[in-house]
Amino acid sequence: MPYVYRHFIPENIAPAGAQSIAVYDAAGKKVCAIPLGGLTPPNKEPLYSFGLISDMHIYPIAAVAWTPEVKFNNALTFFESKGCVFCAHCGDFSQSGLYLNAGDTNADLRQFAKYKEICDSHSIPVYGICGNHESIMGVPITNNLAELKTYTGTDLYYTVEQNNDLFIFIGQPTYNKVMGDDALQWLSDTLADNQSKRCFVFIHSYIEEDSGDAVDYRENSIFDSWGVIKTNAFMDVMRQHPNVILFHGHSHMVFECQEYDKNANYTERNGFKSVHVPSLARPRVINLTAGTTPEDDSGSQGYIVDVYDNCIVLNGWDFVNNKYVPLGVYKIAT
C-alpha cells in the first residue's frame, strides 16, 4: 500500500526558491527528487506585500520570557527588508490592556507606550486591533478610546485601502465580545458597499472548529462567549461575500499543527476563506499525549503576504530561524 503524506492541503504551495521535492526513505537517505508540480509558487512579482502577525503580549512592567518587544521589532525590520507596504496584526499586542491596574496606574499605559515607541522607530505603518487582552479586566475599550487613538493611531474599527483592495479591521470592545453590535452592522454594510473589491477582514478570535482550533484542544474561543446567535450572524455575513478573506489570531497555534489537523491554518469548511495567524511571541505547540497546547516562549511566527491580481500567497515565516515554514505557505485564489 503506498504511503500517503497527509500534512499538505490543496492550498499549500512550495516556498519561494524551492526547486523540487526531495524524497527520503525511512533511514533518512535521499532517494530522489520530483518536480514541484501543483506546489509551484507564482513566478512573477506581486502587486504588493504586507506583514501579518498576532498576539505579541507586550508586558506592562518587567522583561518576560517571551521577549515581545524584541520579536515585534525584529518582525518589523524583516517586513521592511521585504518591501512590505504595512504590517497588520490581529490583536493582543498588550498583556493587560487599558483597564489601568489598581496597583500601578501607569503599568498598562506603558504597554501601549512601548508599542507606539517600536512602531515609531520603523518606516512602515502598523494597523492593528484590540484583542481580549486589551480589555482583560472587563472594562470596555470604549471607556479608553482616546488612549487607544493616542497610542495606536487607530479606532476600534476602521478600513485601510491598498491598490483596489480594502482592509477591514475590527477590534474587540470587551474581553468576551468578538465585536459590538454596531461593528457587526458596520461590517455588513461595508462589505455590501465594496463587492467589487477584494476585502481582507481582520478580527482577533478564531471560530470553534475553524482555522486556529487545531484538534479542538484550546476551548478558548471568544465566539463561545459572544453566543450562537451573534456567531451565526457573523458567519452569514462572511458567506454572503466570496470576495472576502478572514484573518484572525488568539489561539497562538504554530503552523506545524497542520500535521494533526488539516484545518489548523487555513480552511473553507464554514463557507468562507479563513486564515489563522500564529503568535509572534508566545506560539503554542500540541502535546497529543497530554491533550495540551504548551507555550513555546522561544518561538516566533507570522506571515509575509504577497498579493497578486487573482490570488494571495501566505508565506509562513519562522522569525527565530529566519526561514519559511513549509506547512505555513499557501496560495489562496481571490
Protein backbone atom coordinates (compact mmCIF):
# COMPACT_ATOMS: atom_id res chain seq x y z
CA MET A 1 0.00 0.00 0.00
CA PRO A 2 1.53 3.36 -0.99
CA TYR A 3 2.28 5.90 1.72
CA VAL A 4 0.04 8.96 1.68
CA TYR A 5 1.50 12.20 3.02
CA ARG A 6 -1.40 13.82 4.83
CA HIS A 7 0.08 17.07 6.04
CA PHE A 8 -0.45 19.15 2.89
CA ILE A 9 -3.82 20.58 1.87
CA PRO A 10 -4.74 21.63 -1.70
CA GLU A 11 -3.87 25.29 -0.99
CA ASN A 12 -0.30 24.52 0.12
CA ILE A 13 2.48 25.54 -2.26
CA ALA A 14 6.26 25.36 -2.01
CA PRO A 15 8.17 28.29 -0.50
CA ALA A 16 9.75 30.75 -2.92
CA GLY A 17 13.05 29.45 -4.28
CA ALA A 18 12.20 25.76 -3.92
CA GLN A 19 13.28 23.74 -6.98
CA SER A 20 11.93 20.26 -6.31
CA ILE A 21 10.52 17.88 -3.70
CA ALA A 22 13.09 15.65 -2.05
CA VAL A 23 12.04 12.10 -1.19
CA TYR A 24 13.72 10.22 1.69
CA ASP A 25 13.47 6.64 2.89
CA ALA A 26 12.83 5.54 6.47
CA ALA A 27 16.55 5.71 7.25
CA GLY A 28 16.71 9.36 6.22
CA LYS A 29 18.56 8.70 2.98
CA LYS A 30 17.54 10.80 -0.01
CA VAL A 31 16.02 8.54 -2.64
CA CYS A 32 15.15 11.02 -5.39
CA ALA A 33 13.73 14.43 -6.20
CA ILE A 34 10.48 15.04 -8.05
CA PRO A 35 9.08 18.20 -9.75
CA LEU A 36 7.04 20.66 -7.70
CA GLY A 37 4.04 20.28 -9.97
CA GLY A 38 0.98 21.84 -8.33
CA LEU A 39 3.12 23.10 -5.46
CA THR A 40 4.94 25.57 -7.75
CA PRO A 41 4.75 29.16 -6.42
CA PRO A 42 3.99 32.14 -8.70
CA ASN A 43 6.96 33.19 -10.83
CA LYS A 44 6.05 36.87 -11.14
CA GLU A 45 6.33 39.88 -8.86
CA PRO A 46 3.38 40.58 -6.53
CA LEU A 47 1.37 43.78 -6.76
CA TYR A 48 2.43 44.47 -3.18
CA SER A 49 3.21 42.66 0.07
CA PHE A 50 2.24 43.17 3.71
CA GLY A 51 3.34 41.69 7.02
CA LEU A 52 0.89 39.80 9.21
CA ILE A 53 1.30 38.99 12.92
CA SER A 54 -0.76 38.43 16.06
CA ASP A 55 -0.61 38.02 19.84
CA MET A 56 2.55 39.83 20.98
CA HIS A 57 1.52 40.38 24.63
CA ILE A 58 3.83 43.28 25.46
CA TYR A 59 4.21 43.10 29.25
CA PRO A 60 3.49 46.16 31.44
CA ILE A 61 6.48 46.24 33.77
CA ALA A 62 9.46 43.88 33.53
CA ALA A 63 11.12 41.76 30.87
CA VAL A 64 9.43 38.39 30.31
CA ALA A 65 10.47 35.08 28.79
CA TRP A 66 8.65 35.59 25.52
CA THR A 67 10.54 38.87 24.78
CA PRO A 68 7.66 40.52 22.88
CA GLU A 69 9.41 43.83 22.30
CA VAL A 70 12.42 42.15 20.68
CA LYS A 71 10.24 39.94 18.49
CA PHE A 72 7.98 42.79 17.40
CA ASN A 73 10.97 44.93 16.47
CA ASN A 74 12.56 42.01 14.57
CA ALA A 75 9.35 41.36 12.65
CA LEU A 76 9.00 44.97 11.54
CA THR A 77 12.64 45.03 10.46
CA PHE A 78 12.06 41.88 8.41
CA PHE A 79 8.91 43.28 6.79
CA GLU A 80 10.77 46.45 5.87
CA SER A 81 13.56 44.40 4.29
CA LYS A 82 10.96 42.63 2.14
CA GLY A 83 9.39 45.88 0.94
CA CYS A 84 6.08 45.42 2.74
CA VAL A 85 3.70 48.36 2.47
CA PHE A 86 2.48 47.88 6.06
CA CYS A 87 2.13 45.38 8.90
CA ALA A 88 -1.27 44.11 10.06
CA HIS A 89 -1.76 42.49 13.45
CA CYS A 90 -4.74 40.58 14.83
CA GLY A 91 -4.78 41.81 18.41
CA ASP A 92 -3.38 41.15 21.88
CA PHE A 93 -0.43 43.45 21.39
CA SER A 94 -0.55 44.07 25.15
CA GLN A 95 -0.77 41.73 28.13
CA SER A 96 -3.25 43.66 30.27
CA GLY A 97 -4.71 46.40 28.15
CA LEU A 98 -6.08 49.77 29.12
CA TYR A 99 -8.01 48.84 32.24
CA LEU A 100 -5.50 50.69 34.49
CA ASN A 101 -4.05 48.31 37.07
CA ALA A 102 -5.08 49.34 40.58
CA GLY A 103 -1.58 48.62 41.88
CA ASP A 104 0.19 50.73 39.27
CA THR A 105 -1.92 53.15 37.28
CA ASN A 106 0.83 53.64 34.72
CA ALA A 107 1.60 49.96 34.13
CA ASP A 108 -0.96 49.42 31.39
CA LEU A 109 -0.24 52.61 29.51
CA ARG A 110 3.42 51.61 29.44
CA GLN A 111 2.48 48.64 27.26
CA PHE A 112 0.83 50.96 24.77
CA ALA A 113 3.69 53.44 25.01
CA LYS A 114 6.21 50.68 24.23
CA TYR A 115 4.07 49.53 21.32
CA LYS A 116 4.00 53.09 19.95
CA GLU A 117 7.74 53.52 20.53
CA ILE A 118 8.55 50.44 18.46
CA CYS A 119 6.11 51.40 15.70
CA ASP A 120 7.54 54.92 15.54
CA SER A 121 11.07 53.55 15.13
CA HIS A 122 10.13 51.88 11.82
CA SER A 123 9.19 53.21 8.43
CA ILE A 124 6.14 51.06 7.67
CA PRO A 125 2.77 51.69 9.31
CA VAL A 126 1.25 49.10 11.64
CA TYR A 127 -2.52 48.54 11.55
CA GLY A 128 -3.88 46.54 14.45
CA ILE A 129 -6.92 45.79 16.56
CA CYS A 130 -7.81 45.22 20.19
CA GLY A 131 -7.97 41.60 21.33
CA ASN A 132 -9.30 40.17 24.57
CA HIS A 133 -6.13 41.15 26.47
CA GLU A 134 -6.67 44.80 25.67
CA SER A 135 -9.72 44.60 27.94
CA ILE A 136 -8.78 41.66 30.10
CA MET A 137 -10.28 43.02 33.33
CA GLY A 138 -13.66 43.63 31.77
CA VAL A 139 -13.60 47.43 31.43
CA PRO A 140 -14.82 48.26 27.90
CA ILE A 141 -12.25 49.59 25.49
CA THR A 142 -14.81 52.26 24.62
CA ASN A 143 -14.02 53.83 28.02
CA ASN A 144 -10.49 54.46 26.78
CA LEU A 145 -10.87 55.30 23.09
CA ALA A 146 -8.81 58.47 23.47
CA GLU A 147 -5.86 56.49 24.82
CA LEU A 148 -6.30 53.85 22.14
CA LYS A 149 -6.18 56.51 19.42
CA THR A 150 -3.19 58.22 21.02
CA TYR A 151 -1.02 55.13 21.26
CA THR A 152 -2.08 53.16 18.17
CA GLY A 153 -3.37 55.80 15.77
CA THR A 154 -6.44 53.65 15.11
CA ASP A 155 -10.09 53.40 16.10
CA LEU A 156 -11.92 50.34 17.38
CA TYR A 157 -12.92 49.52 13.80
CA TYR A 158 -11.77 51.13 10.56
CA THR A 159 -10.64 50.48 6.98
CA VAL A 160 -7.44 50.93 5.01
CA GLU A 161 -7.20 50.78 1.21
CA GLN A 162 -4.22 49.48 -0.76
CA ASN A 163 -4.35 49.41 -4.56
CA ASN A 164 -8.02 48.49 -5.06
CA ASP A 165 -8.13 46.14 -2.05
CA LEU A 166 -9.97 47.01 1.17
CA PHE A 167 -8.55 46.06 4.57
CA ILE A 168 -11.18 45.96 7.31
CA PHE A 169 -10.01 45.95 10.96
CA ILE A 170 -12.45 45.22 13.81
CA GLY A 171 -11.29 45.19 17.43
CA GLN A 172 -12.98 43.75 20.49
CA PRO A 173 -14.91 46.23 22.67
CA THR A 174 -14.65 43.91 25.71
CA TYR A 175 -12.83 40.70 26.57
CA ASN A 176 -15.85 38.49 25.81
CA LYS A 177 -17.20 40.06 22.60
CA VAL A 178 -15.74 39.49 19.16
CA MET A 179 -17.20 42.85 18.14
CA GLY A 180 -20.01 45.17 19.16
CA ASP A 181 -23.43 45.18 17.51
CA ASP A 182 -22.54 48.47 15.87
CA ALA A 183 -19.37 46.98 14.41
CA LEU A 184 -21.19 43.91 13.08
CA GLN A 185 -23.70 46.12 11.29
CA TRP A 186 -20.89 48.34 10.01
CA LEU A 187 -19.05 45.27 8.70
CA SER A 188 -22.17 44.06 6.87
CA ASP A 189 -22.73 47.49 5.32
CA THR A 190 -19.07 47.93 4.40
CA LEU A 191 -18.89 44.58 2.61
CA ALA A 192 -22.17 45.25 0.81
CA ASP A 193 -20.77 48.57 -0.43
CA ASN A 194 -17.49 47.02 -1.64
CA GLN A 195 -18.50 43.87 -3.50
CA SER A 196 -16.35 44.86 -6.47
CA LYS A 197 -13.20 44.93 -4.32
CA ARG A 198 -11.11 42.23 -2.73
CA CYS A 199 -11.73 42.57 1.02
CA PHE A 200 -9.49 41.37 3.84
CA VAL A 201 -11.20 41.26 7.26
CA PHE A 202 -9.14 41.18 10.48
CA ILE A 203 -10.59 40.16 13.86
CA HIS A 204 -8.93 38.68 16.95
CA SER A 205 -10.64 35.39 17.81
CA TYR A 206 -10.95 32.13 15.90
CA ILE A 207 -14.24 30.27 15.43
CA GLU A 208 -14.64 26.85 17.03
CA GLU A 209 -13.78 24.02 14.61
CA ASP A 210 -12.40 26.52 12.10
CA SER A 211 -8.81 27.51 11.41
CA GLY A 212 -6.94 28.25 14.64
CA ASP A 213 -8.79 25.50 16.51
CA ALA A 214 -6.31 22.68 15.84
CA VAL A 215 -7.66 19.35 17.18
CA ASP A 216 -10.08 21.38 19.34
CA TYR A 217 -7.69 21.49 22.32
CA ARG A 218 -7.79 25.18 23.25
CA GLU A 219 -11.52 25.59 24.06
CA ASN A 220 -10.93 29.31 24.39
CA SER A 221 -12.81 30.90 21.52
CA ILE A 222 -14.34 34.27 22.31
CA PHE A 223 -17.05 33.35 19.81
CA ASP A 224 -18.39 30.98 22.50
CA SER A 225 -18.80 33.90 24.92
CA TRP A 226 -20.32 36.03 22.16
CA GLY A 227 -23.02 33.40 21.67
CA VAL A 228 -24.53 31.25 18.95
CA ILE A 229 -26.84 33.94 17.54
CA LYS A 230 -24.06 36.51 17.05
CA THR A 231 -21.63 33.87 15.77
CA ASN A 232 -24.09 32.66 13.16
CA ALA A 233 -24.87 36.22 12.14
CA PHE A 234 -21.18 36.93 11.63
CA MET A 235 -20.63 33.74 9.62
CA ASP A 236 -23.68 34.55 7.47
CA VAL A 237 -22.11 37.91 6.59
CA MET A 238 -18.87 36.16 5.63
CA ARG A 239 -20.66 33.60 3.46
CA GLN A 240 -22.51 36.29 1.52
CA HIS A 241 -19.29 37.76 0.16
CA PRO A 242 -16.95 35.47 -1.80
CA ASN A 243 -14.59 38.43 -2.28
CA VAL A 244 -13.66 38.26 1.44
CA ILE A 245 -10.81 36.54 3.29
CA LEU A 246 -10.95 36.43 7.11
CA PHE A 247 -7.78 36.68 9.24
CA HIS A 248 -7.62 36.06 12.99
CA GLY A 249 -5.33 35.00 15.83
CA HIS A 250 -5.95 34.28 19.55
CA SER A 251 -5.17 30.56 19.80
CA HIS A 252 -1.39 31.10 19.28
CA MET A 253 -1.10 27.73 17.48
CA VAL A 254 2.00 27.17 15.32
CA PHE A 255 1.92 26.38 11.60
CA GLU A 256 3.12 22.83 12.29
CA CYS A 257 -0.24 22.00 13.90
CA GLN A 258 -1.43 21.21 10.38
CA GLU A 259 0.32 17.86 10.91
CA TYR A 260 -2.55 16.96 13.24
CA ASP A 261 -5.46 18.95 11.83
CA LYS A 262 -5.87 19.87 8.16
CA ASN A 263 -7.92 22.94 9.15
CA ALA A 264 -5.32 24.27 11.59
CA ASN A 265 -4.07 27.20 9.49
CA TYR A 266 -6.47 27.62 6.58
CA THR A 267 -9.94 26.33 5.88
CA GLU A 268 -13.16 26.98 3.97
CA ARG A 269 -15.19 24.47 5.97
CA ASN A 270 -17.68 27.12 7.15
CA GLY A 271 -18.31 28.52 3.70
CA PHE A 272 -15.70 31.30 3.62
CA LYS A 273 -11.93 31.65 3.46
CA SER A 274 -10.44 31.67 6.97
CA VAL A 275 -6.76 32.17 7.87
CA HIS A 276 -5.30 31.72 11.35
CA VAL A 277 -2.26 33.80 12.31
CA PRO A 278 0.06 32.21 14.93
CA SER A 279 1.51 34.12 17.86
CA LEU A 280 4.51 36.32 17.18
CA ALA A 281 5.79 35.98 20.76
CA ARG A 282 4.07 33.08 22.57
CA PRO A 283 3.33 30.36 19.99
CA ARG A 284 1.68 27.15 21.17
CA VAL A 285 2.51 23.60 20.10
CA ILE A 286 0.48 20.44 20.55
CA ASN A 287 1.19 17.65 23.03
CA LEU A 288 -1.01 14.84 21.70
CA THR A 289 -0.29 12.54 24.64
CA ALA A 290 -1.39 15.05 27.25
CA GLY A 291 -4.00 16.72 25.07
CA THR A 292 -2.50 20.12 25.85
CA THR A 293 -1.07 23.11 23.96
CA PRO A 294 2.06 24.24 25.84
CA GLU A 295 3.64 27.60 25.03
CA ASP A 296 6.99 27.87 23.28
CA ASP A 297 8.22 31.23 24.52
CA SER A 298 11.36 30.91 22.42
CA GLY A 299 9.38 30.73 19.17
CA SER A 300 8.08 33.45 16.86
CA GLN A 301 5.93 33.03 13.74
CA GLY A 302 3.95 35.16 11.30
CA TYR A 303 3.27 35.74 7.61
CA ILE A 304 4.54 37.87 4.82
CA VAL A 305 1.62 38.09 2.39
CA ASP A 306 2.23 38.58 -1.33
CA VAL A 307 -0.79 39.96 -3.17
CA TYR A 308 -1.32 39.19 -6.87
CA ASP A 309 -4.13 40.13 -9.24
CA ASN A 310 -6.00 36.83 -8.78
CA CYS A 311 -4.58 35.30 -5.59
CA ILE A 312 -2.60 35.90 -2.43
CA VAL A 313 0.35 33.86 -1.20
CA LEU A 314 0.72 33.43 2.54
CA ASN A 315 4.39 32.87 3.34
CA GLY A 316 4.60 31.38 6.82
CA TRP A 317 7.80 32.61 8.46
CA ASP A 318 9.89 31.49 11.42
CA PHE A 319 11.39 34.73 12.76
CA VAL A 320 13.80 32.93 15.11
CA ASN A 321 15.47 30.77 12.47
CA ASN A 322 14.79 33.19 9.58
CA LYS A 323 13.22 30.65 7.26
CA TYR A 324 9.94 29.60 5.70
CA VAL A 325 7.72 27.08 7.47
CA PRO A 326 6.60 24.82 4.58
CA LEU A 327 3.29 23.86 6.21
CA GLY A 328 2.53 27.58 6.52
CA VAL A 329 2.83 28.52 2.82
CA TYR A 330 -0.44 28.84 0.89
CA LYS A 331 -1.82 30.11 -2.39
CA ILE A 332 -5.38 31.36 -1.92
CA ALA A 333 -7.40 32.17 -5.04
CA THR A 334 -9.19 35.50 -4.88
